[in-house]
Amino acid sequence: MTLLGIYRCKQCHAVFNIATFGSLSRSTAEKLFEKTKTVNVFISGEMPIEIVTHRCDPVTVGDCERIGWRKIE
């Protein structure tokens, strides 16, 4: 199983995956996909602020935000 963070550039709106699961531990990440309900609430001190940047074009760099996670079997 591969866990990916999904990010969106705030400047150009590109959506892309990052092959790491961010700052979340693997055990916490796996718990996200164990639940059967559609809404999961996790309050965790494990998730510090991350800064991810994306080079939109040769003269523009955008800040990105994590918009979700993806599990690939």
Protein backbone atom coordinates (compact mmCIF):
# COMPACT_ATOMS: atom_id res chain seq x y z
CA MET A 1 0.00 0.00 0.00
CA THR A 2 1.30 3.45 -0.96
CA LEU A 3 0.11 6.57 0.84
CA LEU A 4 0.24 9.94 -0.94
CA GLY A 5 -0.45 13.51 0.06
CA ILE A 6 -2.57 15.45 -2.47
CA TYR A 7 -1.70 19.14 -2.89
CA ARG A 8 -3.09 22.09 -4.86
CA CYS A 9 -1.05 25.11 -5.92
CA LYS A 10 -2.79 28.31 -4.79
CA GLN A 11 -1.27 30.26 -7.69
CA CYS A 12 -1.96 28.10 -10.77
CA HIS A 13 -4.37 25.54 -9.22
CA ALA A 14 -2.31 22.54 -10.36
CA VAL A 15 -3.14 19.39 -8.37
CA PHE A 16 -0.41 16.84 -7.71
CA ASN A 17 0.62 13.99 -5.43
CA ILE A 18 3.66 13.87 -3.21
CA ALA A 19 4.99 10.37 -2.62
CA THR A 20 5.37 10.91 1.12
CA PHE A 21 2.49 11.19 3.51
CA GLY A 22 3.69 14.50 4.85
CA SER A 23 4.45 14.80 8.53
CA LEU A 24 1.79 12.27 9.51
CA SER A 25 3.05 8.99 10.96
CA ARG A 26 2.26 5.87 8.94
CA SER A 27 0.11 4.42 11.76
CA THR A 28 -2.05 7.57 11.91
CA ALA A 29 -2.27 7.67 8.11
CA GLU A 30 -3.49 4.07 8.02
CA LYS A 31 -6.17 4.90 10.61
CA LEU A 32 -7.62 7.46 8.20
CA PHE A 33 -8.48 4.64 5.79
CA GLU A 34 -9.74 2.18 8.43
CA LYS A 35 -12.88 4.12 9.27
CA THR A 36 -16.11 3.32 7.49
CA LYS A 37 -17.87 6.61 8.20
CA THR A 38 -17.63 9.42 5.68
CA VAL A 39 -16.44 11.95 8.28
CA ASN A 40 -13.31 11.35 10.34
CA VAL A 41 -12.01 13.78 12.93
CA PHE A 42 -8.40 13.53 14.01
CA ILE A 43 -6.94 15.98 16.46
CA SER A 44 -3.24 15.40 16.47
CA GLY A 45 -0.10 17.22 17.44
CA GLU A 46 1.68 15.25 14.73
CA MET A 47 0.76 17.65 11.95
CA PRO A 48 3.01 20.71 12.06
CA ILE A 49 2.63 23.38 9.42
CA GLU A 50 4.16 22.29 6.12
CA ILE A 51 5.25 24.63 3.36
CA VAL A 52 5.16 23.09 -0.09
CA THR A 53 5.99 25.21 -3.14
CA HIS A 54 5.40 24.63 -6.85
CA ARG A 55 7.15 26.31 -9.74
CA CYS A 56 4.21 27.31 -11.90
CA ASP A 57 6.28 28.76 -14.72
CA PRO A 58 9.80 30.22 -15.15
CA VAL A 59 8.90 33.41 -13.23
CA THR A 60 6.25 32.25 -10.71
CA VAL A 61 6.42 30.09 -7.59
CA GLY A 62 3.17 29.27 -5.80
CA ASP A 63 2.41 28.07 -2.27
CA CYS A 64 0.57 24.77 -2.09
CA GLU A 65 -1.96 23.44 0.38
CA ARG A 66 -2.66 19.83 1.26
CA ILE A 67 -6.20 19.03 0.15
CA GLY A 68 -6.31 15.35 1.00
CA TRP A 69 -4.66 11.96 1.03
CA ARG A 70 -4.77 9.01 -1.33
CA LYS A 71 -4.16 5.30 -0.77
CA ILE A 72 -2.98 3.17 -3.66
CA GLU A 73 -3.15 -0.59 -3.16
